[in-house]
Amino acid sequence: MRHPEIQHPYLRRLLTLLALIVAAPAVQPVAGAASAAASPFPAAVVLYDGRGGTTPDAQGFTFLTIPPLAAAATQSYDPIKSWTSLDSMPVTGESAGYFARVGAVPELDRTAGYTVSLTLQLVAEQHAGSDRNQDGRDDRAGFSLTVLGSDLRGIELGFWQGRVWAQDDGRDDPEALFTQAEGAAFDTSAALATYELRVLGEGYTLLAGGAPLLSGRLRDYTAFEPGPLQPDPYETPNLVFLGDNTSSAAARIHIAAVSLGVGGRALALPLLYGKGGG
């Protein structure tokens, strides 16, 4: 059964544009650029390095806005700070974000373990009035990170200025699909912070500044039902998305670096199920 507000993540509109990514060739990062989120993985891939002097879509990402033309949402590069600012706050109903190009992402095998690292600052965010299951907690975020492995299992994390939380998959209750699950308090707006999303086996752990912040089980979002002729991001293996994927929230962020690694440190930290509470 299709959920009445299942259009939220990636929406009807962002789904339509996802098809553009599948055929997009990978763009290699700027030669010689060092990642601000330097990773000790044995096999590291730099998807974005702000010190390369460009926005993410000139490196390992495709940038999409909704609407695709004349959007108020913007991206801009700051050569002094060496970061890209993504701003979807001018019009809350718009969406904007970055999809890692297919050719830039290796196989994300949760059995072997993998980690996605990103250095960013959430400058401002708004999500008021998005409590769609009436449990007293809003269910949308102006900035989200979505990572799906090769078997479509993964996690979508929402970032607020004082909290980071996971989107539920409705495994135990279909009505809970894309509602707020486990979360933890954290000041995402004070300064640039490096987050590491480590995936191994059945679970994930999110670190902030090297310290465990949040953990839980991986989700399966394939219950999402797009409209006719619309591609489905939750049926897309090895997916990495960051940005504003909803018409119910908005954010302004600075992105300095994004990288991922397979194996290595993803295996070094035991998963801390349940940390962060509700």
Protein backbone atom coordinates (compact mmCIF):
# COMPACT_ATOMS: atom_id res chain seq x y z
CA MET A 1 0.00 0.00 0.00
CA ARG A 2 1.31 3.38 -0.95
CA HIS A 3 1.84 5.66 2.04
CA PRO A 4 -0.03 8.99 1.75
CA GLU A 5 3.16 11.08 2.02
CA ILE A 6 5.71 8.74 0.59
CA GLN A 7 6.66 11.42 -1.96
CA HIS A 8 8.85 13.09 0.67
CA PRO A 9 12.40 11.91 0.12
CA TYR A 10 13.51 12.78 -3.35
CA LEU A 11 9.91 13.67 -4.04
CA ARG A 12 8.13 13.16 -7.32
CA ARG A 13 10.35 15.79 -8.89
CA LEU A 14 13.77 14.72 -7.67
CA LEU A 15 12.93 11.14 -8.67
CA THR A 16 12.40 12.25 -12.25
CA LEU A 17 15.85 13.83 -12.42
CA LEU A 18 17.63 10.86 -10.85
CA ALA A 19 17.61 9.15 -14.23
CA LEU A 20 20.12 11.74 -15.45
CA ILE A 21 22.72 10.46 -13.01
CA VAL A 22 22.78 6.87 -14.17
CA ALA A 23 24.33 7.76 -17.51
CA ALA A 24 26.58 10.52 -16.18
CA PRO A 25 30.31 9.79 -16.46
CA ALA A 26 32.48 10.13 -13.40
CA VAL A 27 34.50 13.32 -13.07
CA GLN A 28 37.85 12.79 -11.40
CA PRO A 29 38.81 14.99 -8.43
CA VAL A 30 41.33 17.75 -9.02
CA ALA A 31 44.78 16.25 -9.41
CA GLY A 32 46.94 16.57 -6.31
CA ALA A 33 44.14 17.79 -4.06
CA ALA A 34 44.32 16.51 -0.49
CA SER A 35 41.09 15.72 1.32
CA ALA A 36 40.12 17.85 4.31
CA ALA A 37 38.47 14.69 5.60
CA ALA A 38 41.66 12.70 5.14
CA SER A 39 40.93 9.01 5.60
CA PRO A 40 43.27 6.17 6.62
CA PHE A 41 41.31 3.58 4.64
CA PRO A 42 43.35 1.17 2.50
CA ALA A 43 41.08 2.02 -0.43
CA ALA A 44 39.92 5.65 -0.17
CA VAL A 45 37.96 7.57 -2.77
CA VAL A 46 37.78 11.38 -2.58
CA LEU A 47 34.41 12.49 -3.89
CA TYR A 48 34.91 16.14 -3.01
CA ASP A 49 37.80 18.25 -1.76
CA GLY A 50 37.06 21.94 -1.30
CA ARG A 51 40.76 22.74 -1.54
CA GLY A 52 40.55 21.72 -5.19
CA GLY A 53 38.95 25.10 -5.93
CA THR A 54 35.60 23.86 -7.29
CA THR A 55 32.08 22.91 -6.28
CA PRO A 56 31.24 19.19 -5.83
CA ASP A 57 29.68 18.86 -9.29
CA ALA A 58 33.09 19.54 -10.82
CA GLN A 59 34.46 16.55 -8.95
CA GLY A 60 32.62 13.34 -8.00
CA PHE A 61 29.01 14.55 -7.78
CA THR A 62 26.07 15.59 -9.92
CA PHE A 63 24.20 18.67 -8.65
CA LEU A 64 20.42 18.77 -9.05
CA THR A 65 17.86 21.40 -8.12
CA ILE A 66 14.08 21.26 -8.11
CA PRO A 67 12.91 23.01 -10.21
CA PRO A 68 15.77 22.23 -12.60
CA LEU A 69 15.67 25.70 -14.16
CA ALA A 70 15.52 29.08 -12.43
CA ALA A 71 15.70 27.55 -8.96
CA ALA A 72 16.14 29.86 -5.99
CA ALA A 73 18.32 27.19 -4.32
CA THR A 74 22.00 27.84 -5.01
CA GLN A 75 25.51 26.49 -4.65
CA SER A 76 28.53 28.78 -4.41
CA TYR A 77 32.23 28.24 -3.85
CA ASP A 78 34.24 30.26 -1.31
CA PRO A 79 37.95 30.38 -2.32
CA ILE A 80 38.93 31.77 1.09
CA LYS A 81 37.23 29.09 3.16
CA SER A 82 37.68 26.34 0.54
CA TRP A 83 34.14 25.12 0.87
CA THR A 84 30.90 25.05 -1.11
CA SER A 85 27.78 26.63 0.33
CA LEU A 86 24.49 24.95 -0.55
CA ASP A 87 21.42 27.05 0.22
CA SER A 88 17.84 25.81 -0.23
CA MET A 89 16.30 28.28 2.24
CA PRO A 90 15.09 30.97 -0.19
CA VAL A 91 12.13 28.71 -1.12
CA THR A 92 11.32 25.89 1.31
CA GLY A 93 9.40 23.97 -1.35
CA GLU A 94 12.50 23.55 -3.52
CA SER A 95 15.04 20.75 -3.24
CA ALA A 96 18.74 20.71 -4.05
CA GLY A 97 21.60 18.32 -3.51
CA TYR A 98 24.42 16.13 -4.73
CA PHE A 99 24.38 12.57 -6.01
CA ALA A 100 27.71 10.76 -6.24
CA ARG A 101 28.26 9.73 -9.83
CA VAL A 102 27.92 6.03 -10.50
CA GLY A 103 31.48 5.67 -11.80
CA ALA A 104 32.92 7.44 -8.75
CA VAL A 105 31.57 5.02 -6.13
CA PRO A 106 33.05 1.55 -5.54
CA GLU A 107 30.88 -1.34 -4.42
CA LEU A 108 29.59 -0.63 -0.92
CA ASP A 109 29.55 -4.06 0.66
CA ARG A 110 28.29 -4.03 4.24
CA THR A 111 29.86 -7.42 4.89
CA ALA A 112 33.34 -6.03 4.21
CA GLY A 113 32.42 -2.70 5.80
CA TYR A 114 32.64 0.81 4.41
CA THR A 115 32.72 4.39 5.68
CA VAL A 116 31.49 7.68 4.26
CA SER A 117 33.24 10.75 5.69
CA LEU A 118 32.07 14.32 5.24
CA THR A 119 33.22 17.63 6.65
CA LEU A 120 30.46 20.22 6.85
CA GLN A 121 28.71 22.90 8.86
CA LEU A 122 24.93 23.25 9.03
CA VAL A 123 24.61 27.03 9.19
CA ALA A 124 20.82 27.20 9.34
CA GLU A 125 17.88 24.79 8.99
CA GLN A 126 14.09 24.85 9.18
CA HIS A 127 11.61 21.97 9.36
CA ALA A 128 8.66 23.22 11.42
CA GLY A 129 5.33 21.47 10.96
CA SER A 130 6.67 18.22 9.46
CA ASP A 131 5.40 15.80 12.14
CA ARG A 132 3.40 13.65 9.76
CA ASN A 133 2.76 10.70 12.12
CA GLN A 134 1.74 12.95 15.02
CA ASP A 135 4.20 11.53 17.55
CA GLY A 136 5.49 14.93 18.65
CA ARG A 137 8.67 14.74 16.53
CA ASP A 138 9.15 16.39 13.16
CA ASP A 139 10.04 13.99 10.36
CA ARG A 140 11.87 16.14 7.83
CA ALA A 141 15.30 17.76 7.70
CA GLY A 142 16.70 20.49 5.49
CA PHE A 143 19.92 18.49 5.10
CA SER A 144 20.09 14.72 4.72
CA LEU A 145 22.74 12.11 4.03
CA THR A 146 21.52 8.96 2.29
CA VAL A 147 23.84 5.99 1.75
CA LEU A 148 22.72 2.67 0.26
CA GLY A 149 24.97 -0.34 -0.14
CA SER A 150 25.22 -2.79 -3.01
CA ASP A 151 22.24 -4.75 -1.60
CA LEU A 152 20.12 -1.59 -1.10
CA ARG A 153 20.44 -1.74 2.68
CA GLY A 154 21.61 1.53 4.17
CA ILE A 155 20.58 4.57 6.16
CA GLU A 156 19.17 8.07 5.67
CA LEU A 157 20.20 10.59 8.32
CA GLY A 158 18.57 13.95 8.90
CA PHE A 159 20.59 16.88 10.28
CA TRP A 160 19.09 19.68 12.36
CA GLN A 161 21.05 22.42 14.11
CA GLY A 162 20.85 20.57 17.42
CA ARG A 163 20.17 16.97 16.46
CA VAL A 164 21.06 14.17 14.03
CA TRP A 165 18.56 11.35 13.51
CA ALA A 166 17.67 8.38 11.31
CA GLN A 167 14.71 7.90 8.99
CA ASP A 168 12.72 4.75 9.76
CA ASP A 169 11.93 2.19 7.08
CA GLY A 170 8.57 1.01 8.39
CA ARG A 171 9.78 -2.56 8.91
CA ASP A 172 7.70 -2.98 12.06
CA ASP A 173 4.97 -0.51 11.11
CA PRO A 174 4.36 0.48 7.47
CA GLU A 175 2.96 3.82 8.65
CA ALA A 176 6.37 4.66 10.13
CA LEU A 177 8.14 4.74 6.76
CA PHE A 178 10.17 7.96 6.58
CA THR A 179 9.46 9.07 10.11
CA GLN A 180 12.02 9.96 12.78
CA ALA A 181 13.68 6.98 14.47
CA GLU A 182 16.80 6.98 16.70
CA GLY A 183 18.64 10.26 17.11
CA ALA A 184 21.16 12.14 19.23
CA ALA A 185 21.68 15.75 20.28
CA PHE A 186 24.62 17.48 18.60
CA ASP A 187 25.47 21.07 17.68
CA THR A 188 25.90 20.84 13.92
CA SER A 189 26.04 24.62 13.43
CA ALA A 190 28.90 25.77 15.68
CA ALA A 191 31.70 25.04 13.20
CA LEU A 192 32.88 22.63 10.54
CA ALA A 193 32.71 19.07 11.84
CA THR A 194 33.85 15.80 10.32
CA TYR A 195 31.27 13.03 10.40
CA GLU A 196 32.05 9.39 9.69
CA LEU A 197 29.24 7.02 8.81
CA ARG A 198 30.60 3.52 9.38
CA VAL A 199 28.62 0.57 8.06
CA LEU A 200 29.33 -3.04 8.94
CA GLY A 201 27.09 -6.08 8.87
CA GLU A 202 23.59 -5.26 10.08
CA GLY A 203 24.27 -1.82 11.55
CA TYR A 204 25.80 1.62 11.29
CA THR A 205 27.64 3.99 13.61
CA LEU A 206 27.91 7.74 13.06
CA LEU A 207 30.92 9.50 14.57
CA ALA A 208 31.26 13.26 14.97
CA GLY A 209 34.75 14.60 15.50
CA GLY A 210 35.97 11.03 16.04
CA ALA A 211 33.51 10.27 18.87
CA PRO A 212 30.53 7.90 18.51
CA LEU A 213 27.32 9.91 18.22
CA LEU A 214 24.57 7.64 16.94
CA SER A 215 24.07 4.02 15.92
CA GLY A 216 21.35 1.60 14.90
CA ARG A 217 20.30 -1.02 12.42
CA LEU A 218 20.52 -0.55 8.68
CA ARG A 219 17.27 0.19 6.88
CA ASP A 220 15.58 -1.10 3.74
CA TYR A 221 13.63 1.72 2.09
CA THR A 222 12.45 -0.28 -0.91
CA ALA A 223 8.85 -0.02 0.34
CA PHE A 224 8.92 3.45 -1.21
CA GLU A 225 6.63 3.53 -4.25
CA PRO A 226 7.42 6.19 -6.85
CA GLY A 227 4.85 7.36 -9.34
CA PRO A 228 4.55 5.99 -12.88
CA LEU A 229 7.71 6.31 -15.01
CA GLN A 230 9.65 7.71 -12.05
CA PRO A 231 13.03 6.19 -11.13
CA ASP A 232 13.41 5.02 -7.55
CA PRO A 233 16.55 6.10 -5.65
CA TYR A 234 15.91 3.48 -2.98
CA GLU A 235 16.32 0.80 -5.63
CA THR A 236 19.71 2.26 -6.62
CA PRO A 237 22.72 0.33 -5.28
CA ASN A 238 25.86 2.14 -4.07
CA LEU A 239 23.99 5.43 -3.68
CA VAL A 240 25.48 8.45 -1.90
CA PHE A 241 23.33 11.59 -1.66
CA LEU A 242 23.73 14.74 0.42
CA GLY A 243 21.52 17.80 0.41
CA ASP A 244 17.91 18.91 0.79
CA ASN A 245 15.60 16.14 -0.50
CA THR A 246 12.23 17.41 0.74
CA SER A 247 9.76 20.21 0.08
CA SER A 248 8.95 20.37 3.81
CA ALA A 249 12.31 21.70 5.08
CA ALA A 250 15.33 23.72 3.98
CA ALA A 251 18.92 24.40 5.00
CA ARG A 252 22.08 26.38 4.39
CA ILE A 253 25.29 24.34 4.70
CA HIS A 254 29.02 24.56 4.05
CA ILE A 255 30.61 21.42 2.57
CA ALA A 256 34.39 21.11 2.72
CA ALA A 257 35.06 17.46 1.93
CA VAL A 258 33.46 14.10 1.19
CA SER A 259 35.26 10.78 0.89
CA LEU A 260 34.56 7.10 1.32
CA GLY A 261 36.57 3.99 2.08
CA VAL A 262 35.98 0.27 1.88
CA GLY A 263 37.12 -1.90 4.79
CA GLY A 264 39.87 -0.55 7.04
CA ARG A 265 38.58 1.62 9.88
CA ALA A 266 35.01 0.61 9.14
CA LEU A 267 35.93 -2.62 10.91
CA ALA A 268 37.69 -1.00 13.84
CA LEU A 269 34.74 0.31 15.84
CA PRO A 270 32.11 -1.99 17.37
CA LEU A 271 28.62 -0.92 16.45
CA LEU A 272 26.86 0.65 19.43
CA TYR A 273 23.23 -0.25 18.90
CA GLY A 274 20.73 2.02 20.54
CA LYS A 275 23.05 4.92 21.35
CA GLY A 276 21.32 8.24 21.11
CA GLY A 277 17.88 7.20 22.29
CA GLY A 278 14.66 8.29 20.67
